[in-house]
């Protein structure tokens, strides 16, 4: 199974989660409020989804649109949310914060990593807005639990970011490049052959799992088409 690609699907609720698992998703990213590009779901929502499916769940830790942690108050709120979600059984998370100058907000990331206490987590697409991706990766390389970067290679999406995704995947194992590349952000089925050939083995879809748009639930059939394309 070592060459099986990972397929992660965004889920907003139980209906999404059940459909995504039925379609062959390997993991879910749990969020609420996609109008703000995905915020932390409630503890109750996490518990309901956890009870409904048995695949891994990565839970978003983000309280506002954008990539700022929100100062000390924002970080405190995130730490509290993480503590409550862990008490409910959450074991994997998604987070990522930048300072105004595009450097990684290490104090916010490290405060959350300390609360997560070894839980595995993804640094999300904030990397696509970083002033210097290589510097960000090296700055975060020793933060406990970080095992994945969700990235399109560009703030504009995978179409623009393909060369960056391929270059970073090729550096896997170098200092700052130990974490897995999870390709996502305007990802299309047509991108898969090139990414797979370039060594990318993890893929993240949101809108692509919802042919009816964000107002409609995840389609198990749409997820199955991605699973099939990756197999």
C-alpha atoms as a PDB file:
ATOM      1  CA  UNK A   1       0.000   0.000   0.000  1.00  0.00           C
ATOM      2  CA  UNK A   2       3.028   2.273   0.179  1.00  0.00           C
ATOM      3  CA  UNK A   3       2.401   3.775  -3.261  1.00  0.00           C
ATOM      4  CA  UNK A   4      -1.280   4.484  -2.637  1.00  0.00           C
ATOM      5  CA  UNK A   5      -1.946   8.197  -2.928  1.00  0.00           C
ATOM      6  CA  UNK A   6      -3.775   9.930  -0.080  1.00  0.00           C
ATOM      7  CA  UNK A   7      -7.076  11.638  -0.912  1.00  0.00           C
ATOM      8  CA  UNK A   8      -8.285  14.224   1.592  1.00  0.00           C
ATOM      9  CA  UNK A   9     -11.745  15.799   1.228  1.00  0.00           C
ATOM     10  CA  UNK A  10     -13.176  18.881   2.959  1.00  0.00           C
ATOM     11  CA  UNK A  11     -16.240  18.055   5.057  1.00  0.00           C
ATOM     12  CA  UNK A  12     -18.588  20.567   6.668  1.00  0.00           C
ATOM     13  CA  UNK A  13     -20.978  18.131   8.354  1.00  0.00           C
ATOM     14  CA  UNK A  14     -21.967  14.502   8.844  1.00  0.00           C
ATOM     15  CA  UNK A  15     -23.610  14.219   5.422  1.00  0.00           C
ATOM     16  CA  UNK A  16     -20.391  15.352   3.738  1.00  0.00           C
ATOM     17  CA  UNK A  17     -18.273  13.042   5.851  1.00  0.00           C
ATOM     18  CA  UNK A  18     -20.347   9.940   5.161  1.00  0.00           C
ATOM     19  CA  UNK A  19     -20.421  10.639   1.412  1.00  0.00           C
ATOM     20  CA  UNK A  20     -16.677  11.316   1.272  1.00  0.00           C
ATOM     21  CA  UNK A  21     -15.863   8.090   3.086  1.00  0.00           C
ATOM     22  CA  UNK A  22     -18.259   6.151   0.843  1.00  0.00           C
ATOM     23  CA  UNK A  23     -16.497   7.589  -2.206  1.00  0.00           C
ATOM     24  CA  UNK A  24     -13.103   6.421  -1.004  1.00  0.00           C
ATOM     25  CA  UNK A  25     -11.619   9.416   0.825  1.00  0.00           C
ATOM     26  CA  UNK A  26      -8.677   8.480   3.043  1.00  0.00           C
ATOM     27  CA  UNK A  27      -8.990  11.472   5.341  1.00  0.00           C
ATOM     28  CA  UNK A  28     -11.250  14.454   5.947  1.00  0.00           C
ATOM     29  CA  UNK A  29     -10.433  18.077   6.655  1.00  0.00           C
ATOM     30  CA  UNK A  30     -13.155  19.385   8.974  1.00  0.00           C
ATOM     31  CA  UNK A  31     -14.073  23.056   8.697  1.00  0.00           C
ATOM     32  CA  UNK A  32     -17.005  25.387   8.965  1.00  0.00           C
ATOM     33  CA  UNK A  33     -17.825  28.610   7.081  1.00  0.00           C
ATOM     34  CA  UNK A  34     -16.275  28.207   3.641  1.00  0.00           C
ATOM     35  CA  UNK A  35     -17.272  31.814   2.928  1.00  0.00           C
ATOM     36  CA  UNK A  36     -14.301  32.632   5.173  1.00  0.00           C
ATOM     37  CA  UNK A  37     -12.247  29.884   3.506  1.00  0.00           C
ATOM     38  CA  UNK A  38     -12.705  27.418   6.375  1.00  0.00           C
ATOM     39  CA  UNK A  39     -12.802  28.047  10.124  1.00  0.00           C
ATOM     40  CA  UNK A  40     -12.705  25.825  13.220  1.00  0.00           C
ATOM     41  CA  UNK A  41     -15.787  23.620  13.486  1.00  0.00           C
ATOM     42  CA  UNK A  42     -17.672  23.310  16.747  1.00  0.00           C
ATOM     43  CA  UNK A  43     -16.842  20.600  19.236  1.00  0.00           C
ATOM     44  CA  UNK A  44     -20.355  19.200  18.678  1.00  0.00           C
ATOM     45  CA  UNK A  45     -19.832  19.041  14.906  1.00  0.00           C
ATOM     46  CA  UNK A  46     -16.527  17.230  15.361  1.00  0.00           C
ATOM     47  CA  UNK A  47     -18.120  14.725  17.754  1.00  0.00           C
ATOM     48  CA  UNK A  48     -20.992  13.992  15.371  1.00  0.00           C
ATOM     49  CA  UNK A  49     -18.646  13.433  12.437  1.00  0.00           C
ATOM     50  CA  UNK A  50     -16.256  11.341  14.522  1.00  0.00           C
ATOM     51  CA  UNK A  51     -19.192   9.083  15.432  1.00  0.00           C
ATOM     52  CA  UNK A  52     -20.317   8.755  11.796  1.00  0.00           C
ATOM     53  CA  UNK A  53     -17.074   7.768  10.030  1.00  0.00           C
ATOM     54  CA  UNK A  54     -13.939   5.831  10.866  1.00  0.00           C
ATOM     55  CA  UNK A  55     -11.314   7.506   8.646  1.00  0.00           C
ATOM     56  CA  UNK A  56      -8.836  10.056  10.044  1.00  0.00           C
ATOM     57  CA  UNK A  57     -10.047  13.617  10.606  1.00  0.00           C
ATOM     58  CA  UNK A  58      -7.890  16.726  10.474  1.00  0.00           C
ATOM     59  CA  UNK A  59      -9.589  19.646  12.208  1.00  0.00           C
ATOM     60  CA  UNK A  60      -9.027  23.262  11.159  1.00  0.00           C
ATOM     61  CA  UNK A  61      -7.737  25.674  13.806  1.00  0.00           C
ATOM     62  CA  UNK A  62      -8.594  29.107  12.411  1.00  0.00           C
ATOM     63  CA  UNK A  63     -10.917  31.744  13.850  1.00  0.00           C
ATOM     64  CA  UNK A  64     -10.991  34.386  11.098  1.00  0.00           C
ATOM     65  CA  UNK A  65     -10.560  34.768   7.349  1.00  0.00           C
ATOM     66  CA  UNK A  66      -6.973  35.450   6.320  1.00  0.00           C
ATOM     67  CA  UNK A  67      -3.684  34.168   7.674  1.00  0.00           C
ATOM     68  CA  UNK A  68      -3.199  36.192  10.860  1.00  0.00           C
ATOM     69  CA  UNK A  69      -3.544  34.421  14.209  1.00  0.00           C
ATOM     70  CA  UNK A  70      -5.275  37.470  15.701  1.00  0.00           C
ATOM     71  CA  UNK A  71      -2.738  38.510  18.320  1.00  0.00           C
ATOM     72  CA  UNK A  72      -2.554  37.146  21.841  1.00  0.00           C
ATOM     73  CA  UNK A  73      -6.347  36.970  22.160  1.00  0.00           C
ATOM     74  CA  UNK A  74      -6.671  35.057  18.926  1.00  0.00           C
ATOM     75  CA  UNK A  75      -3.972  32.590  19.927  1.00  0.00           C
ATOM     76  CA  UNK A  76      -5.629  32.065  23.323  1.00  0.00           C
ATOM     77  CA  UNK A  77      -8.940  31.313  21.589  1.00  0.00           C
ATOM     78  CA  UNK A  78      -7.233  28.845  19.234  1.00  0.00           C
ATOM     79  CA  UNK A  79      -5.460  27.101  22.108  1.00  0.00           C
ATOM     80  CA  UNK A  80      -8.776  26.777  23.949  1.00  0.00           C
ATOM     81  CA  UNK A  81     -10.462  25.374  20.839  1.00  0.00           C
ATOM     82  CA  UNK A  82      -7.636  22.878  20.365  1.00  0.00           C
ATOM     83  CA  UNK A  83      -7.887  21.766  23.993  1.00  0.00           C
ATOM     84  CA  UNK A  84     -11.659  21.244  23.734  1.00  0.00           C
ATOM     85  CA  UNK A  85     -11.369  19.354  20.445  1.00  0.00           C
ATOM     86  CA  UNK A  86      -8.659  17.098  21.842  1.00  0.00           C
ATOM     87  CA  UNK A  87     -10.857  16.411  24.859  1.00  0.00           C
ATOM     88  CA  UNK A  88     -13.522  15.296  22.370  1.00  0.00           C
ATOM     89  CA  UNK A  89     -11.055  12.933  20.714  1.00  0.00           C
ATOM     90  CA  UNK A  90      -9.485  14.984  17.916  1.00  0.00           C
ATOM     91  CA  UNK A  91      -5.987  13.747  17.117  1.00  0.00           C
ATOM     92  CA  UNK A  92      -4.997  15.577  13.904  1.00  0.00           C
ATOM     93  CA  UNK A  93      -5.196  19.253  13.005  1.00  0.00           C
ATOM     94  CA  UNK A  94      -4.693  21.937  10.332  1.00  0.00           C
ATOM     95  CA  UNK A  95      -3.268  25.398  11.035  1.00  0.00           C
ATOM     96  CA  UNK A  96      -0.986  28.066   9.624  1.00  0.00           C
ATOM     97  CA  UNK A  97      -0.290  31.696  10.447  1.00  0.00           C
ATOM     98  CA  UNK A  98       1.749  34.487   8.906  1.00  0.00           C
ATOM     99  CA  UNK A  99       2.911  37.834  10.201  1.00  0.00           C
ATOM    100  CA  UNK A 100       1.989  40.949   8.215  1.00  0.00           C
ATOM    101  CA  UNK A 101       5.340  40.800   6.392  1.00  0.00           C
ATOM    102  CA  UNK A 102       4.689  37.269   5.134  1.00  0.00           C
ATOM    103  CA  UNK A 103       7.048  35.519   7.554  1.00  0.00           C
ATOM    104  CA  UNK A 104       5.708  32.601   9.603  1.00  0.00           C
ATOM    105  CA  UNK A 105       4.082  33.579  12.914  1.00  0.00           C
ATOM    106  CA  UNK A 106       6.248  31.239  14.951  1.00  0.00           C
ATOM    107  CA  UNK A 107       4.884  32.321  18.331  1.00  0.00           C
ATOM    108  CA  UNK A 108       1.324  31.399  17.297  1.00  0.00           C
ATOM    109  CA  UNK A 109       2.364  28.145  15.623  1.00  0.00           C
ATOM    110  CA  UNK A 110       4.534  27.088  18.555  1.00  0.00           C
ATOM    111  CA  UNK A 111       1.820  27.927  21.107  1.00  0.00           C
ATOM    112  CA  UNK A 112      -0.628  25.686  19.269  1.00  0.00           C
ATOM    113  CA  UNK A 113       1.924  22.939  18.681  1.00  0.00           C
ATOM    114  CA  UNK A 114       2.612  22.913  22.429  1.00  0.00           C
ATOM    115  CA  UNK A 115      -1.112  22.478  23.130  1.00  0.00           C
ATOM    116  CA  UNK A 116      -1.343  19.722  20.492  1.00  0.00           C
ATOM    117  CA  UNK A 117       1.464  17.897  22.316  1.00  0.00           C
ATOM    118  CA  UNK A 118       2.670  15.687  19.495  1.00  0.00           C
ATOM    119  CA  UNK A 119      -0.561  15.447  17.485  1.00  0.00           C
ATOM    120  CA  UNK A 120       0.122  15.459  13.757  1.00  0.00           C
ATOM    121  CA  UNK A 121      -0.851  18.565  11.833  1.00  0.00           C
ATOM    122  CA  UNK A 122      -0.859  20.211   8.419  1.00  0.00           C
ATOM    123  CA  UNK A 123       0.447  23.717   7.749  1.00  0.00           C
ATOM    124  CA  UNK A 124      -2.180  24.934   5.301  1.00  0.00           C
ATOM    125  CA  UNK A 125      -2.145  27.251   2.307  1.00  0.00           C
ATOM    126  CA  UNK A 126      -0.728  30.167   4.267  1.00  0.00           C
ATOM    127  CA  UNK A 127       2.541  28.876   2.768  1.00  0.00           C
ATOM    128  CA  UNK A 128       1.245  30.051  -0.626  1.00  0.00           C
ATOM    129  CA  UNK A 129       1.145  33.631   0.741  1.00  0.00           C
ATOM    130  CA  UNK A 130       4.550  33.466   2.428  1.00  0.00           C
ATOM    131  CA  UNK A 131       7.217  36.018   1.525  1.00  0.00           C
ATOM    132  CA  UNK A 132       9.775  33.190   1.269  1.00  0.00           C
ATOM    133  CA  UNK A 133       8.553  29.584   1.140  1.00  0.00           C
ATOM    134  CA  UNK A 134      11.989  28.087   1.711  1.00  0.00           C
ATOM    135  CA  UNK A 135      12.575  30.278   4.766  1.00  0.00           C
ATOM    136  CA  UNK A 136       9.150  29.353   6.149  1.00  0.00           C
ATOM    137  CA  UNK A 137       9.809  25.637   5.754  1.00  0.00           C
ATOM    138  CA  UNK A 138      13.196  25.860   7.435  1.00  0.00           C
ATOM    139  CA  UNK A 139      11.796  27.983  10.274  1.00  0.00           C
ATOM    140  CA  UNK A 140       9.078  25.396  10.943  1.00  0.00           C
ATOM    141  CA  UNK A 141      11.206  22.288  10.403  1.00  0.00           C
ATOM    142  CA  UNK A 142      11.653  21.512  14.100  1.00  0.00           C
ATOM    143  CA  UNK A 143       8.105  22.318  15.277  1.00  0.00           C
ATOM    144  CA  UNK A 144       6.662  19.104  16.751  1.00  0.00           C
ATOM    145  CA  UNK A 145       3.869  17.320  14.880  1.00  0.00           C
ATOM    146  CA  UNK A 146       4.163  19.090  11.500  1.00  0.00           C
ATOM    147  CA  UNK A 147       3.993  16.348   8.862  1.00  0.00           C
ATOM    148  CA  UNK A 148       2.228  17.975   5.874  1.00  0.00           C
ATOM    149  CA  UNK A 149       2.052  21.188   3.827  1.00  0.00           C
ATOM    150  CA  UNK A 150      -1.267  21.822   2.059  1.00  0.00           C
ATOM    151  CA  UNK A 151      -0.196  23.898  -0.922  1.00  0.00           C
ATOM    152  CA  UNK A 152      -1.074  24.812  -4.482  1.00  0.00           C
ATOM    153  CA  UNK A 153       2.449  26.102  -5.069  1.00  0.00           C
ATOM    154  CA  UNK A 154       0.930  29.544  -5.650  1.00  0.00           C
ATOM    155  CA  UNK A 155      -1.742  31.762  -4.134  1.00  0.00           C
ATOM    156  CA  UNK A 156      -3.424  31.610  -7.549  1.00  0.00           C
ATOM    157  CA  UNK A 157      -3.844  27.822  -7.494  1.00  0.00           C
ATOM    158  CA  UNK A 158      -2.284  24.659  -8.864  1.00  0.00           C
ATOM    159  CA  UNK A 159      -2.314  25.827 -12.519  1.00  0.00           C
ATOM    160  CA  UNK A 160       0.144  28.578 -11.589  1.00  0.00           C
ATOM    161  CA  UNK A 161       1.919  26.684  -8.842  1.00  0.00           C
ATOM    162  CA  UNK A 162       2.708  23.411 -10.619  1.00  0.00           C
ATOM    163  CA  UNK A 163       6.465  24.137 -11.072  1.00  0.00           C
ATOM    164  CA  UNK A 164       6.793  24.972  -7.364  1.00  0.00           C
ATOM    165  CA  UNK A 165       4.908  21.836  -6.283  1.00  0.00           C
ATOM    166  CA  UNK A 166       7.153  19.654  -8.418  1.00  0.00           C
ATOM    167  CA  UNK A 167      10.312  21.383  -7.222  1.00  0.00           C
ATOM    168  CA  UNK A 168       9.346  21.031  -3.550  1.00  0.00           C
ATOM    169  CA  UNK A 169       8.302  17.396  -3.945  1.00  0.00           C
ATOM    170  CA  UNK A 170      11.714  16.694  -5.506  1.00  0.00           C
ATOM    171  CA  UNK A 171      13.435  18.126  -2.411  1.00  0.00           C
ATOM    172  CA  UNK A 172      11.619  15.828   0.027  1.00  0.00           C
ATOM    173  CA  UNK A 173      13.983  14.753   2.772  1.00  0.00           C
ATOM    174  CA  UNK A 174      16.167  17.876   2.596  1.00  0.00           C
ATOM    175  CA  UNK A 175      16.230  20.175   5.666  1.00  0.00           C
ATOM    176  CA  UNK A 176      12.815  21.883   5.788  1.00  0.00           C
ATOM    177  CA  UNK A 177      11.372  19.439   3.244  1.00  0.00           C
ATOM    178  CA  UNK A 178      10.619  16.444   5.434  1.00  0.00           C
ATOM    179  CA  UNK A 179       6.869  17.117   5.513  1.00  0.00           C
ATOM    180  CA  UNK A 180       4.611  15.626   2.850  1.00  0.00           C
ATOM    181  CA  UNK A 181       3.301  17.827   0.021  1.00  0.00           C
ATOM    182  CA  UNK A 182      -0.521  17.740   0.009  1.00  0.00           C
ATOM    183  CA  UNK A 183      -1.524  19.325  -3.296  1.00  0.00           C
ATOM    184  CA  UNK A 184      -4.719  21.365  -3.160  1.00  0.00           C
ATOM    185  CA  UNK A 185      -6.227  24.637  -4.301  1.00  0.00           C
ATOM    186  CA  UNK A 186      -7.861  24.656  -7.707  1.00  0.00           C
ATOM    187  CA  UNK A 187      -6.772  21.051  -8.168  1.00  0.00           C
ATOM    188  CA  UNK A 188      -8.248  19.307 -11.228  1.00  0.00           C
ATOM    189  CA  UNK A 189      -8.171  15.687 -12.358  1.00  0.00           C
ATOM    190  CA  UNK A 190      -6.049  16.816 -15.302  1.00  0.00           C
ATOM    191  CA  UNK A 191      -3.256  17.831 -12.901  1.00  0.00           C
ATOM    192  CA  UNK A 192      -2.885  14.354 -11.415  1.00  0.00           C
ATOM    193  CA  UNK A 193      -0.655  12.586 -13.960  1.00  0.00           C
ATOM    194  CA  UNK A 194       2.037  15.279 -13.845  1.00  0.00           C
ATOM    195  CA  UNK A 195       1.925  15.579 -10.055  1.00  0.00           C
ATOM    196  CA  UNK A 196       2.015  11.815  -9.550  1.00  0.00           C
ATOM    197  CA  UNK A 197       4.937  11.479 -11.970  1.00  0.00           C
ATOM    198  CA  UNK A 198       6.713  14.214 -10.011  1.00  0.00           C
ATOM    199  CA  UNK A 199       6.413  12.341  -6.745  1.00  0.00           C
ATOM    200  CA  UNK A 200       3.399  14.084  -5.179  1.00  0.00           C
ATOM    201  CA  UNK A 201       1.366  11.418  -3.367  1.00  0.00           C
ATOM    202  CA  UNK A 202      -1.289  13.352  -1.445  1.00  0.00           C
ATOM    203  CA  UNK A 203      -4.221  15.363  -2.797  1.00  0.00           C
ATOM    204  CA  UNK A 204      -6.833  17.659  -1.232  1.00  0.00           C
ATOM    205  CA  UNK A 205     -10.190  18.540  -2.780  1.00  0.00           C
ATOM    206  CA  UNK A 206     -13.041  20.795  -1.725  1.00  0.00           C
ATOM    207  CA  UNK A 207     -15.140  22.179  -4.543  1.00  0.00           C
ATOM    208  CA  UNK A 208     -14.148  19.269  -6.790  1.00  0.00           C
ATOM    209  CA  UNK A 209     -16.066  16.934  -4.465  1.00  0.00           C
ATOM    210  CA  UNK A 210     -19.207  19.085  -4.869  1.00  0.00           C
ATOM    211  CA  UNK A 211     -20.372  19.309  -8.478  1.00  0.00           C
ATOM    212  CA  UNK A 212     -23.408  21.233  -7.217  1.00  0.00           C
ATOM    213  CA  UNK A 213     -21.319  23.930  -5.540  1.00  0.00           C
ATOM    214  CA  UNK A 214     -20.654  24.723  -1.881  1.00  0.00           C
ATOM    215  CA  UNK A 215     -24.382  24.944  -1.178  1.00  0.00           C
ATOM    216  CA  UNK A 216     -24.709  21.228  -1.901  1.00  0.00           C
ATOM    217  CA  UNK A 217     -23.229  18.263  -0.039  1.00  0.00           C
ATOM    218  CA  UNK A 218     -20.198  16.214  -1.023  1.00  0.00           C
ATOM    219  CA  UNK A 219     -20.917  13.777  -3.861  1.00  0.00           C
ATOM    220  CA  UNK A 220     -19.732  10.224  -3.177  1.00  0.00           C
ATOM    221  CA  UNK A 221     -19.586   9.722  -6.951  1.00  0.00           C
ATOM    222  CA  UNK A 222     -17.310  12.718  -7.449  1.00  0.00           C
ATOM    223  CA  UNK A 223     -14.988  11.488  -4.696  1.00  0.00           C
ATOM    224  CA  UNK A 224     -14.995   8.010  -6.238  1.00  0.00           C
ATOM    225  CA  UNK A 225     -13.898   9.481  -9.581  1.00  0.00           C
ATOM    226  CA  UNK A 226     -10.862  11.018  -7.856  1.00  0.00           C
ATOM    227  CA  UNK A 227     -10.128   7.818  -5.964  1.00  0.00           C
ATOM    228  CA  UNK A 228     -10.268   5.902  -9.238  1.00  0.00           C
ATOM    229  CA  UNK A 229      -7.995   8.394 -10.993  1.00  0.00           C
ATOM    230  CA  UNK A 230      -5.435   8.023  -8.202  1.00  0.00           C
ATOM    231  CA  UNK A 231      -5.523   4.222  -8.156  1.00  0.00           C
END
